[in-house]
Amino acid sequence: MPPVDREPTRGSPDTKDRILAAAEALFMEQGYAATSLRAITAQANVNLAAVNYHFGSKEALIREVFDRRLGPLNQARLDYLARVEFEAGGRPLTPEKILEAMIAPVVQLARDPLKRGAVFLRLLGRALSEPADTMKQVLPIHYRDVVLRFKEALVRALPDVPEQELVWRMHFTFGAMAYAMAGNDALQLITTCEVEGADDAEAIIRRLVPFLAAGLKAPVPLPMRTSTAHPTTNREAA
């Protein structure tokens, strides 16, 4: 017998929240493609009609999972960057400060157990590192403005790094951030001992920021130093 929605109406806000929480957890554990609507309805203790009523499709459900989290997270990143730029009084920021603006809101989300932030961050890391076709449509919508805005800040911070080289470094930076958020499975493979802070978002970020900053500031390989540096800051990052 299919699970019965505990709520008096399938349009109840609590029903929708339960579906979103179940989908978020299962997408994180199993991946988007491997997670069926049947599994989501079972975990949320609702029937399929409730999912269809609130979302209409699996694709619309995953979009809303990301919409409700990434919108506020990326706005917090933009607000943080605007604040530290204002405090700098027009001077270029250091790469470390720019990375702080990108990552500090992630720590705040991870600290919030009521919002299940840690679960979403692992899902986000998995989505960025193992993108399904649906993710390729959903994520660029949320990241385009953030990437361009942070690229402008990095252009000012690293004027001697050619634009194409900076794009590569940003690509590696976002990749390392996504991998770190996706979990510590690879970390456990590397080490044979207990790693302190492996599940602590703040401990991870204390190590991640200087590591990423060193990559952003690394000397430019010799053949690339003759390239034109930053002809425009309006071109979208690759």
Protein backbone atom coordinates (compact mmCIF):
# COMPACT_ATOMS: atom_id res chain seq x y z
CA MET A 1 0.00 0.00 0.00
CA PRO A 2 1.44 3.44 -0.91
CA PRO A 3 2.31 5.77 1.94
CA VAL A 4 -0.48 8.07 3.05
CA ASP A 5 0.17 11.75 3.53
CA ARG A 6 -0.23 12.54 7.22
CA GLU A 7 -1.37 16.07 6.50
CA PRO A 8 -5.11 16.84 6.13
CA THR A 9 -4.53 18.36 2.69
CA ARG A 10 -1.92 17.61 0.09
CA GLY A 11 -1.39 21.38 -0.29
CA SER A 12 -0.15 21.74 3.29
CA PRO A 13 3.15 23.68 3.59
CA ASP A 14 4.46 20.98 5.94
CA THR A 15 3.86 18.36 3.27
CA LYS A 16 5.88 20.36 0.78
CA ASP A 17 8.71 20.83 3.27
CA ARG A 18 8.81 17.10 4.01
CA ILE A 19 9.04 16.30 0.30
CA LEU A 20 11.86 18.82 -0.18
CA ALA A 21 13.78 17.50 2.84
CA ALA A 22 13.42 13.91 1.67
CA ALA A 23 14.48 14.76 -1.88
CA GLU A 24 17.47 16.74 -0.64
CA ALA A 25 18.69 13.87 1.55
CA LEU A 26 18.17 11.18 -1.09
CA PHE A 27 19.72 13.20 -3.92
CA MET A 28 22.75 13.71 -1.68
CA GLU A 29 23.02 10.02 -0.75
CA GLN A 30 22.18 8.39 -4.08
CA GLY A 31 22.57 11.06 -6.76
CA TYR A 32 19.84 12.65 -8.83
CA ALA A 33 19.54 9.97 -11.52
CA ALA A 34 19.41 7.06 -9.07
CA THR A 35 16.71 8.59 -6.85
CA SER A 36 13.15 7.69 -7.81
CA LEU A 37 9.99 9.58 -6.93
CA ARG A 38 8.82 6.38 -5.20
CA ALA A 39 11.82 6.56 -2.85
CA ILE A 40 11.14 10.25 -2.15
CA THR A 41 7.45 9.67 -1.38
CA ALA A 42 8.33 6.77 0.92
CA GLN A 43 10.85 8.80 2.89
CA ALA A 44 8.56 11.84 3.10
CA ASN A 45 5.58 9.60 3.99
CA VAL A 46 3.39 11.13 1.28
CA ASN A 47 1.71 9.78 -1.83
CA LEU A 48 2.67 10.54 -5.40
CA ALA A 49 -0.31 12.87 -5.80
CA ALA A 50 1.24 15.20 -3.21
CA VAL A 51 4.49 15.39 -5.21
CA ASN A 52 2.61 16.07 -8.42
CA TYR A 53 0.48 18.71 -6.70
CA HIS A 54 3.43 20.67 -5.29
CA PHE A 55 6.01 20.17 -8.04
CA GLY A 56 4.59 18.46 -11.10
CA SER A 57 7.76 16.52 -11.95
CA LYS A 58 11.06 15.25 -10.60
CA GLU A 59 12.89 17.95 -12.58
CA ALA A 60 10.78 20.70 -11.00
CA LEU A 61 11.40 19.17 -7.57
CA ILE A 62 15.18 19.27 -7.90
CA ARG A 63 14.97 22.84 -9.19
CA GLU A 64 13.10 23.89 -6.07
CA VAL A 65 15.54 22.03 -3.81
CA PHE A 66 18.30 24.25 -5.19
CA ASP A 67 16.21 27.42 -5.57
CA ARG A 68 15.34 27.60 -1.89
CA ARG A 69 18.98 27.18 -0.81
CA LEU A 70 21.23 28.61 -3.50
CA GLY A 71 19.34 31.86 -3.96
CA PRO A 72 19.88 33.02 -0.35
CA LEU A 73 23.39 31.51 -0.19
CA ASN A 74 24.64 33.29 -3.29
CA GLN A 75 22.99 36.55 -2.27
CA ALA A 76 24.82 36.29 1.05
CA ARG A 77 28.08 35.84 -0.88
CA LEU A 78 27.41 38.94 -3.00
CA ASP A 79 26.45 40.97 0.08
CA TYR A 80 29.61 39.85 1.91
CA LEU A 81 31.79 40.80 -1.06
CA ALA A 82 30.11 44.21 -1.35
CA ARG A 83 30.69 44.84 2.36
CA VAL A 84 34.40 43.97 2.36
CA GLU A 85 34.92 46.02 -0.82
CA PHE A 86 33.27 49.00 0.88
CA GLU A 87 35.49 48.51 3.94
CA ALA A 88 38.55 48.43 1.64
CA GLY A 89 37.74 51.96 0.50
CA GLY A 90 38.34 51.31 -3.19
CA ARG A 91 41.56 49.33 -2.77
CA PRO A 92 41.73 45.90 -4.40
CA LEU A 93 40.96 43.05 -2.04
CA THR A 94 43.42 40.26 -1.37
CA PRO A 95 42.57 36.86 -2.87
CA GLU A 96 42.17 35.58 0.70
CA LYS A 97 39.48 38.20 1.41
CA ILE A 98 37.64 37.36 -1.82
CA LEU A 99 37.70 33.66 -0.94
CA GLU A 100 36.45 34.53 2.54
CA ALA A 101 33.46 36.28 0.95
CA MET A 102 32.75 33.18 -1.12
CA ILE A 103 33.15 30.68 1.71
CA ALA A 104 32.03 32.39 4.95
CA PRO A 105 28.31 32.15 4.05
CA VAL A 106 28.85 28.43 3.49
CA VAL A 107 30.07 28.10 7.09
CA GLN A 108 27.02 29.98 8.34
CA LEU A 109 24.73 27.63 6.43
CA ALA A 110 26.59 24.56 7.72
CA ARG A 111 26.13 25.80 11.30
CA ASP A 112 22.35 25.98 10.98
CA PRO A 113 20.90 22.57 11.97
CA LEU A 114 17.32 23.81 11.52
CA LYS A 115 17.96 24.44 7.83
CA ARG A 116 19.82 21.14 7.45
CA GLY A 117 22.59 23.15 5.86
CA ALA A 118 25.23 20.43 6.10
CA VAL A 119 23.04 18.04 4.10
CA PHE A 120 22.49 20.60 1.36
CA LEU A 121 26.18 21.47 1.15
CA ARG A 122 27.06 17.85 0.53
CA LEU A 123 24.34 17.71 -2.10
CA LEU A 124 25.70 20.87 -3.71
CA GLY A 125 29.21 19.47 -3.75
CA ARG A 126 27.96 16.28 -5.37
CA ALA A 127 25.92 18.21 -7.94
CA LEU A 128 28.91 20.36 -8.90
CA SER A 129 31.29 17.42 -9.20
CA GLU A 130 28.86 14.92 -10.80
CA PRO A 131 26.48 17.10 -12.82
CA ALA A 132 23.51 15.39 -14.45
CA ASP A 133 21.83 17.03 -17.43
CA THR A 134 19.27 18.64 -15.14
CA MET A 135 22.04 20.10 -12.97
CA LYS A 136 23.67 21.60 -16.06
CA GLN A 137 20.47 23.60 -16.54
CA VAL A 138 19.80 24.48 -12.90
CA LEU A 139 23.21 25.48 -11.52
CA PRO A 140 24.34 28.05 -14.13
CA ILE A 141 21.20 30.10 -13.43
CA HIS A 142 22.28 30.49 -9.80
CA TYR A 143 26.02 30.87 -10.35
CA ARG A 144 26.32 33.14 -13.37
CA ASP A 145 26.07 36.48 -11.53
CA VAL A 146 28.19 35.23 -8.62
CA VAL A 147 30.99 33.97 -10.86
CA LEU A 148 31.12 37.20 -12.86
CA ARG A 149 31.06 39.38 -9.74
CA PHE A 150 33.84 37.44 -8.03
CA LYS A 151 35.82 37.36 -11.26
CA GLU A 152 35.75 41.17 -11.36
CA ALA A 153 37.15 41.25 -7.81
CA LEU A 154 39.88 38.74 -8.70
CA VAL A 155 40.85 40.72 -11.82
CA ARG A 156 41.54 43.70 -9.56
CA ALA A 157 43.33 41.56 -6.99
CA LEU A 158 45.55 39.79 -9.55
CA PRO A 159 46.27 42.29 -12.34
CA ASP A 160 49.32 40.36 -13.58
CA VAL A 161 47.40 37.14 -14.21
CA PRO A 162 46.08 36.95 -17.81
CA GLU A 163 42.34 36.48 -18.13
CA GLN A 164 42.47 32.98 -19.60
CA GLU A 165 44.82 31.87 -16.85
CA LEU A 166 42.54 33.41 -14.23
CA VAL A 167 39.56 31.52 -15.68
CA TRP A 168 41.49 28.27 -15.31
CA ARG A 169 42.40 29.13 -11.72
CA MET A 170 38.79 29.97 -10.90
CA HIS A 171 37.76 26.65 -12.46
CA PHE A 172 40.20 24.80 -10.20
CA THR A 173 39.09 26.87 -7.20
CA PHE A 174 35.42 26.07 -7.63
CA GLY A 175 36.29 22.43 -8.27
CA ALA A 176 38.27 22.15 -5.03
CA MET A 177 35.47 23.86 -3.10
CA ALA A 178 32.87 21.50 -4.56
CA TYR A 179 34.99 18.44 -3.80
CA ALA A 180 35.57 19.58 -0.23
CA MET A 181 31.83 20.13 0.29
CA ALA A 182 30.90 16.76 -1.21
CA GLY A 183 32.26 14.90 1.81
CA ASN A 184 35.42 13.35 3.19
CA ASP A 185 35.36 9.93 1.49
CA ALA A 186 38.51 10.68 -0.52
CA LEU A 187 40.21 12.03 2.60
CA GLN A 188 39.62 8.71 4.34
CA LEU A 189 41.24 6.89 1.42
CA ILE A 190 44.38 9.03 1.62
CA THR A 191 45.02 8.62 5.32
CA THR A 192 45.36 5.59 7.56
CA CYS A 193 44.80 7.57 10.76
CA GLU A 194 41.96 9.59 12.26
CA VAL A 195 41.86 13.07 10.66
CA GLU A 196 40.92 15.78 13.13
CA GLY A 197 38.20 18.10 11.83
CA ALA A 198 37.25 15.96 8.83
CA ASP A 199 33.56 16.73 9.42
CA ASP A 200 34.05 20.27 10.75
CA ALA A 201 33.16 22.89 8.13
CA GLU A 202 35.18 25.61 9.85
CA ALA A 203 38.26 23.38 10.16
CA ILE A 204 38.03 22.48 6.47
CA ILE A 205 37.72 26.12 5.43
CA ARG A 206 40.68 27.22 7.59
CA ARG A 207 42.77 24.87 5.47
CA LEU A 208 40.97 25.49 2.19
CA VAL A 209 41.31 29.29 1.99
CA PRO A 210 45.14 29.48 2.16
CA PHE A 211 45.41 26.49 -0.18
CA LEU A 212 43.17 28.12 -2.80
CA ALA A 213 44.76 31.55 -2.35
CA ALA A 214 48.19 30.05 -3.04
CA GLY A 215 46.89 28.62 -6.31
CA LEU A 216 45.31 31.91 -7.36
CA LYS A 217 48.55 33.82 -6.62
CA ALA A 218 50.95 31.27 -8.08
CA PRO A 219 53.49 32.50 -10.69
CA VAL A 220 52.08 32.49 -14.20
CA PRO A 221 53.71 29.84 -16.44
CA LEU A 222 56.26 31.54 -18.71
CA PRO A 223 54.53 31.03 -22.10
CA MET A 224 51.37 32.66 -20.75
CA ARG A 225 52.99 35.85 -19.53
CA THR A 226 52.90 37.33 -23.00
CA SER A 227 49.12 36.87 -23.24
CA THR A 228 46.89 39.90 -23.02
CA ALA A 229 45.84 40.34 -19.43
CA HIS A 230 42.17 40.99 -18.73
CA PRO A 231 40.92 42.62 -21.97
CA THR A 232 37.47 42.72 -20.38
CA THR A 233 35.80 41.87 -17.10
CA ASN A 234 32.38 41.35 -18.67
CA ARG A 235 33.10 38.06 -20.38
CA GLU A 236 31.52 35.11 -18.63
CA ALA A 237 33.90 32.68 -16.96
CA ALA A 238 34.21 29.30 -18.57
